[in-house]
Amino acid sequence: GYGHSRLQETLLGGVTRDMLRAMTV
């Protein structure tokens, strides 16, 4: 898991956050 700046995550999203929201496994 890797985090970016809040601005970058807000504008571009992030794989880590997306995985936590939509994991199916």
PDB file of all heavy atoms in Angstrom:
ATOM      1  N   GLY A   1       0.852  -1.181   0.000  1.00  0.00           N
ATOM      2  CA  GLY A   1       0.000   0.000   0.000  1.00  0.00           C
ATOM      3  C   GLY A   1       0.884   1.224   0.000  1.00  0.00           C
ATOM      4  O   GLY A   1       1.902   1.275   0.680  1.00  0.00           O
ATOM      5  N   TYR A   2       0.509   2.214  -0.775  1.00  0.00           N
ATOM      6  CA  TYR A   2       1.324   3.413  -0.878  1.00  0.00           C
ATOM      7  C   TYR A   2       0.405   4.621  -0.930  1.00  0.00           C
ATOM      8  O   TYR A   2      -0.599   4.608  -1.644  1.00  0.00           O
ATOM      9  CB  TYR A   2       2.197   3.353  -2.135  1.00  0.00           C
ATOM     10  CG  TYR A   2       3.114   4.533  -2.293  1.00  0.00           C
ATOM     11  CD1 TYR A   2       4.285   4.626  -1.559  1.00  0.00           C
ATOM     12  CD2 TYR A   2       2.793   5.564  -3.158  1.00  0.00           C
ATOM     13  CE1 TYR A   2       5.119   5.716  -1.681  1.00  0.00           C
ATOM     14  CE2 TYR A   2       3.624   6.666  -3.302  1.00  0.00           C
ATOM     15  CZ  TYR A   2       4.798   6.728  -2.556  1.00  0.00           C
ATOM     16  OH  TYR A   2       5.609   7.808  -2.684  1.00  0.00           O
ATOM     17  N   GLY A   3       0.723   5.636  -0.182  1.00  0.00           N
ATOM     18  CA  GLY A   3      -0.097   6.849  -0.170  1.00  0.00           C
ATOM     19  C   GLY A   3       0.600   7.997  -0.862  1.00  0.00           C
ATOM     20  O   GLY A   3       1.823   8.092  -0.857  1.00  0.00           O
ATOM     21  N   HIS A   4      -0.187   8.862  -1.468  1.00  0.00           N
ATOM     22  CA  HIS A   4       0.313  10.082  -2.097  1.00  0.00           C
ATOM     23  C   HIS A   4      -0.219  11.264  -1.298  1.00  0.00           C
ATOM     24  O   HIS A   4      -0.971  11.086  -0.337  1.00  0.00           O
ATOM     25  CB  HIS A   4      -0.162  10.156  -3.552  1.00  0.00           C
ATOM     26  CG  HIS A   4       0.327   9.035  -4.403  1.00  0.00           C
ATOM     27  ND1 HIS A   4       1.596   8.983  -4.930  1.00  0.00           N
ATOM     28  CD2 HIS A   4      -0.280   7.886  -4.811  1.00  0.00           C
ATOM     29  CE1 HIS A   4       1.751   7.879  -5.624  1.00  0.00           C
ATOM     30  NE2 HIS A   4       0.623   7.191  -5.567  1.00  0.00           N
ATOM     31  N   SER A   5       0.112  12.458  -1.723  1.00  0.00           N
ATOM     32  CA  SER A   5      -0.406  13.637  -1.043  1.00  0.00           C
ATOM     33  C   SER A   5      -1.926  13.660  -1.149  1.00  0.00           C
ATOM     34  O   SER A   5      -2.507  13.091  -2.070  1.00  0.00           O
ATOM     35  CB  SER A   5       0.174  14.912  -1.662  1.00  0.00           C
ATOM     36  OG  SER A   5      -0.397  15.121  -2.950  1.00  0.00           O
ATOM     37  N   ARG A   6      -2.586  14.312  -0.192  1.00  0.00           N
ATOM     38  CA  ARG A   6      -4.056  14.362  -0.202  1.00  0.00           C
ATOM     39  C   ARG A   6      -4.591  15.009  -1.470  1.00  0.00           C
ATOM     40  O   ARG A   6      -5.599  14.578  -2.013  1.00  0.00           O
ATOM     41  CB  ARG A   6      -4.570  15.103   1.026  1.00  0.00           C
ATOM     42  CG  ARG A   6      -4.396  14.302   2.272  1.00  0.00           C
ATOM     43  CD  ARG A   6      -5.012  14.995   3.446  1.00  0.00           C
ATOM     44  NE  ARG A   6      -4.662  14.260   4.641  1.00  0.00           N
ATOM     45  CZ  ARG A   6      -5.350  14.294   5.732  1.00  0.00           C
ATOM     46  NH1 ARG A   6      -6.438  15.026   5.807  1.00  0.00           N
ATOM     47  NH2 ARG A   6      -4.977  13.601   6.779  1.00  0.00           N
ATOM     48  N   LEU A   7      -3.918  16.024  -1.939  1.00  0.00           N
ATOM     49  CA  LEU A   7      -4.356  16.694  -3.162  1.00  0.00           C
ATOM     50  C   LEU A   7      -4.288  15.737  -4.355  1.00  0.00           C
ATOM     51  O   LEU A   7      -5.231  15.615  -5.124  1.00  0.00           O
ATOM     52  CB  LEU A   7      -3.508  17.942  -3.437  1.00  0.00           C
ATOM     53  CG  LEU A   7      -3.828  18.692  -4.730  1.00  0.00           C
ATOM     54  CD1 LEU A   7      -5.275  19.195  -4.718  1.00  0.00           C
ATOM     55  CD2 LEU A   7      -2.853  19.827  -4.937  1.00  0.00           C
ATOM     56  N   GLN A   8      -3.169  15.042  -4.481  1.00  0.00           N
ATOM     57  CA  GLN A   8      -3.007  14.095  -5.591  1.00  0.00           C
ATOM     58  C   GLN A   8      -4.034  12.971  -5.492  1.00  0.00           C
ATOM     59  O   GLN A   8      -4.624  12.576  -6.489  1.00  0.00           O
ATOM     60  CB  GLN A   8      -1.595  13.530  -5.602  1.00  0.00           C
ATOM     61  CG  GLN A   8      -1.320  12.630  -6.795  1.00  0.00           C
ATOM     62  CD  GLN A   8       0.120  12.140  -6.837  1.00  0.00           C
ATOM     63  OE1 GLN A   8       0.953  12.556  -6.038  1.00  0.00           O
ATOM     64  NE2 GLN A   8       0.401  11.260  -7.761  1.00  0.00           N
ATOM     65  N   GLU A   9      -4.250  12.448  -4.295  1.00  0.00           N
ATOM     66  CA  GLU A   9      -5.244  11.377  -4.111  1.00  0.00           C
ATOM     67  C   GLU A   9      -6.648  11.875  -4.441  1.00  0.00           C
ATOM     68  O   GLU A   9      -7.445  11.164  -5.032  1.00  0.00           O
ATOM     69  CB  GLU A   9      -5.217  10.865  -2.664  1.00  0.00           C
ATOM     70  CG  GLU A   9      -3.943  10.161  -2.288  1.00  0.00           C
ATOM     71  CD  GLU A   9      -4.007   8.665  -2.455  1.00  0.00           C
ATOM     72  OE1 GLU A   9      -5.115   8.111  -2.512  1.00  0.00           O
ATOM     73  OE2 GLU A   9      -2.938   8.050  -2.526  1.00  0.00           O
ATOM     74  N   THR A  10      -6.957  13.109  -4.060  1.00  0.00           N
ATOM     75  CA  THR A  10      -8.283  13.673  -4.335  1.00  0.00           C
ATOM     76  C   THR A  10      -8.500  13.862  -5.830  1.00  0.00           C
ATOM     77  O   THR A  10      -9.550  13.521  -6.368  1.00  0.00           O
ATOM     78  CB  THR A  10      -8.457  15.016  -3.606  1.00  0.00           C
ATOM     79  OG1 THR A  10      -8.294  14.799  -2.204  1.00  0.00           O
ATOM     80  CG2 THR A  10      -9.835  15.604  -3.870  1.00  0.00           C
ATOM     81  N   LEU A  11      -7.488  14.387  -6.502  1.00  0.00           N
ATOM     82  CA  LEU A  11      -7.620  14.669  -7.934  1.00  0.00           C
ATOM     83  C   LEU A  11      -7.501  13.414  -8.798  1.00  0.00           C
ATOM     84  O   LEU A  11      -8.265  13.234  -9.742  1.00  0.00           O
ATOM     85  CB  LEU A  11      -6.559  15.682  -8.381  1.00  0.00           C
ATOM     86  CG  LEU A  11      -6.678  17.079  -7.796  1.00  0.00           C
ATOM     87  CD1 LEU A  11      -5.490  17.932  -8.228  1.00  0.00           C
ATOM     88  CD2 LEU A  11      -7.987  17.728  -8.222  1.00  0.00           C
ATOM     89  N   LEU A  12      -6.556  12.557  -8.478  1.00  0.00           N
ATOM     90  CA  LEU A  12      -6.248  11.416  -9.342  1.00  0.00           C
ATOM     91  C   LEU A  12      -6.691  10.074  -8.769  1.00  0.00           C
ATOM     92  O   LEU A  12      -6.678   9.071  -9.475  1.00  0.00           O
ATOM     93  CB  LEU A  12      -4.737  11.370  -9.625  1.00  0.00           C
ATOM     94  CG  LEU A  12      -4.148  12.632 -10.251  1.00  0.00           C
ATOM     95  CD1 LEU A  12      -2.646  12.520 -10.351  1.00  0.00           C
ATOM     96  CD2 LEU A  12      -4.777  12.899 -11.607  1.00  0.00           C
ATOM     97  N   GLY A  13      -7.059  10.045  -7.498  1.00  0.00           N
ATOM     98  CA  GLY A  13      -7.411   8.769  -6.877  1.00  0.00           C
ATOM     99  C   GLY A  13      -6.163   8.000  -6.486  1.00  0.00           C
ATOM    100  O   GLY A  13      -5.044   8.462  -6.654  1.00  0.00           O
ATOM    101  N   GLY A  14      -6.364   6.798  -5.962  1.00  0.00           N
ATOM    102  CA  GLY A  14      -5.237   5.972  -5.562  1.00  0.00           C
ATOM    103  C   GLY A  14      -5.643   4.515  -5.539  1.00  0.00           C
ATOM    104  O   GLY A  14      -6.768   4.169  -5.183  1.00  0.00           O
ATOM    105  N   VAL A  15      -4.723   3.649  -5.940  1.00  0.00           N
ATOM    106  CA  VAL A  15      -5.001   2.213  -6.012  1.00  0.00           C
ATOM    107  C   VAL A  15      -5.276   1.641  -4.627  1.00  0.00           C
ATOM    108  O   VAL A  15      -6.211   0.862  -4.447  1.00  0.00           O
ATOM    109  CB  VAL A  15      -3.828   1.462  -6.684  1.00  0.00           C
ATOM    110  CG1 VAL A  15      -4.051  -0.036  -6.643  1.00  0.00           C
ATOM    111  CG2 VAL A  15      -3.643   1.943  -8.111  1.00  0.00           C
ATOM    112  N   THR A  16      -4.484   2.028  -3.631  1.00  0.00           N
ATOM    113  CA  THR A  16      -4.668   1.501  -2.283  1.00  0.00           C
ATOM    114  C   THR A  16      -6.077   1.806  -1.771  1.00  0.00           C
ATOM    115  O   THR A  16      -6.792   0.913  -1.309  1.00  0.00           O
ATOM    116  CB  THR A  16      -3.624   2.098  -1.327  1.00  0.00           C
ATOM    117  OG1 THR A  16      -2.321   1.818  -1.829  1.00  0.00           O
ATOM    118  CG2 THR A  16      -3.761   1.526   0.074  1.00  0.00           C
ATOM    119  N   ARG A  17      -6.483   3.043  -1.868  1.00  0.00           N
ATOM    120  CA  ARG A  17      -7.815   3.434  -1.406  1.00  0.00           C
ATOM    121  C   ARG A  17      -8.903   2.724  -2.211  1.00  0.00           C
ATOM    122  O   ARG A  17      -9.882   2.225  -1.654  1.00  0.00           O
ATOM    123  CB  ARG A  17      -7.977   4.949  -1.510  1.00  0.00           C
ATOM    124  CG  ARG A  17      -9.316   5.439  -0.966  1.00  0.00           C
ATOM    125  CD  ARG A  17      -9.429   6.922  -1.031  1.00  0.00           C
ATOM    126  NE  ARG A  17      -9.343   7.359  -2.418  1.00  0.00           N
ATOM    127  CZ  ARG A  17      -9.240   8.606  -2.795  1.00  0.00           C
ATOM    128  NH1 ARG A  17      -9.187   9.555  -1.897  1.00  0.00           N
ATOM    129  NH2 ARG A  17      -9.179   8.926  -4.059  1.00  0.00           N
ATOM    130  N   ASP A  18      -8.724   2.659  -3.527  1.00  0.00           N
ATOM    131  CA  ASP A  18      -9.710   1.983  -4.369  1.00  0.00           C
ATOM    132  C   ASP A  18      -9.836   0.508  -4.024  1.00  0.00           C
ATOM    133  O   ASP A  18     -10.930  -0.054  -4.012  1.00  0.00           O
ATOM    134  CB  ASP A  18      -9.354   2.136  -5.853  1.00  0.00           C
ATOM    135  CG  ASP A  18      -9.512   3.562  -6.354  1.00  0.00           C
ATOM    136  OD1 ASP A  18     -10.151   4.375  -5.650  1.00  0.00           O
ATOM    137  OD2 ASP A  18      -9.000   3.857  -7.451  1.00  0.00           O
ATOM    138  N   MET A  19      -8.710  -0.147  -3.738  1.00  0.00           N
ATOM    139  CA  MET A  19      -8.750  -1.573  -3.373  1.00  0.00           C
ATOM    140  C   MET A  19      -9.501  -1.767  -2.060  1.00  0.00           C
ATOM    141  O   MET A  19     -10.296  -2.691  -1.923  1.00  0.00           O
ATOM    142  CB  MET A  19      -7.341  -2.147  -3.253  1.00  0.00           C
ATOM    143  CG  MET A  19      -6.662  -2.381  -4.574  1.00  0.00           C
ATOM    144  SD  MET A  19      -7.523  -3.563  -5.644  1.00  0.00           S
ATOM    145  CE  MET A  19      -7.326  -5.065  -4.715  1.00  0.00           C
ATOM    146  N   LEU A  20      -9.255  -0.890  -1.089  1.00  0.00           N
ATOM    147  CA  LEU A  20      -9.941  -1.022   0.197  1.00  0.00           C
ATOM    148  C   LEU A  20     -11.444  -0.808   0.062  1.00  0.00           C
ATOM    149  O   LEU A  20     -12.231  -1.403   0.787  1.00  0.00           O
ATOM    150  CB  LEU A  20      -9.352  -0.038   1.206  1.00  0.00           C
ATOM    151  CG  LEU A  20      -7.942  -0.369   1.686  1.00  0.00           C
ATOM    152  CD1 LEU A  20      -7.375   0.788   2.506  1.00  0.00           C
ATOM    153  CD2 LEU A  20      -7.920  -1.660   2.475  1.00  0.00           C
ATOM    154  N   ARG A  21     -11.844   0.017  -0.872  1.00  0.00           N
ATOM    155  CA  ARG A  21     -13.269   0.293  -1.081  1.00  0.00           C
ATOM    156  C   ARG A  21     -13.982  -0.817  -1.847  1.00  0.00           C
ATOM    157  O   ARG A  21     -15.184  -1.002  -1.665  1.00  0.00           O
ATOM    158  CB  ARG A  21     -13.435   1.598  -1.848  1.00  0.00           C
ATOM    159  CG  ARG A  21     -13.176   2.807  -1.016  1.00  0.00           C
ATOM    160  CD  ARG A  21     -13.485   4.046  -1.804  1.00  0.00           C
ATOM    161  NE  ARG A  21     -13.266   5.215  -0.963  1.00  0.00           N
ATOM    162  CZ  ARG A  21     -13.059   6.407  -1.429  1.00  0.00           C
ATOM    163  NH1 ARG A  21     -13.034   6.621  -2.726  1.00  0.00           N
ATOM    164  NH2 ARG A  21     -12.873   7.418  -0.605  1.00  0.00           N
ATOM    165  N   ALA A  22     -13.285  -1.510  -2.734  1.00  0.00           N
ATOM    166  CA  ALA A  22     -13.978  -2.413  -3.658  1.00  0.00           C
ATOM    167  C   ALA A  22     -13.400  -3.820  -3.717  1.00  0.00           C
ATOM    168  O   ALA A  22     -13.640  -4.529  -4.680  1.00  0.00           O
ATOM    169  CB  ALA A  22     -13.970  -1.797  -5.053  1.00  0.00           C
ATOM    170  N   MET A  23     -12.658  -4.230  -2.706  1.00  0.00           N
ATOM    171  CA  MET A  23     -12.038  -5.551  -2.784  1.00  0.00           C
ATOM    172  C   MET A  23     -13.095  -6.649  -2.780  1.00  0.00           C
ATOM    173  O   MET A  23     -14.098  -6.567  -2.076  1.00  0.00           O
ATOM    174  CB  MET A  23     -11.017  -5.743  -1.685  1.00  0.00           C
ATOM    175  CG  MET A  23     -11.491  -5.576  -0.293  1.00  0.00           C
ATOM    176  SD  MET A  23     -10.069  -5.624   0.795  1.00  0.00           S
ATOM    177  CE  MET A  23     -10.715  -4.684   2.138  1.00  0.00           C
ATOM    178  N   THR A  24     -12.861  -7.652  -3.599  1.00  0.00           N
ATOM    179  CA  THR A  24     -13.775  -8.785  -3.718  1.00  0.00           C
ATOM    180  C   THR A  24     -13.117 -10.078  -3.259  1.00  0.00           C
ATOM    181  O   THR A  24     -13.728 -11.138  -3.325  1.00  0.00           O
ATOM    182  CB  THR A  24     -14.239  -8.944  -5.174  1.00  0.00           C
ATOM    183  OG1 THR A  24     -13.079  -9.090  -6.011  1.00  0.00           O
ATOM    184  CG2 THR A  24     -15.037  -7.736  -5.631  1.00  0.00           C
ATOM    185  N   VAL A  25     -11.894  -9.967  -2.817  1.00  0.00           N
ATOM    186  CA  VAL A  25     -11.116 -11.086  -2.307  1.00  0.00           C
ATOM    187  C   VAL A  25     -10.345 -10.549  -1.096  1.00  0.00           C
ATOM    188  O   VAL A  25     -10.036  -9.355  -1.057  1.00  0.00           O
ATOM    189  CB  VAL A  25     -10.164 -11.623  -3.428  1.00  0.00           C
ATOM    190  CG1 VAL A  25      -9.163 -10.582  -3.831  1.00  0.00           C
ATOM    191  CG2 VAL A  25      -9.464 -12.893  -3.005  1.00  0.00           C
TER     192      VAL A  25
END
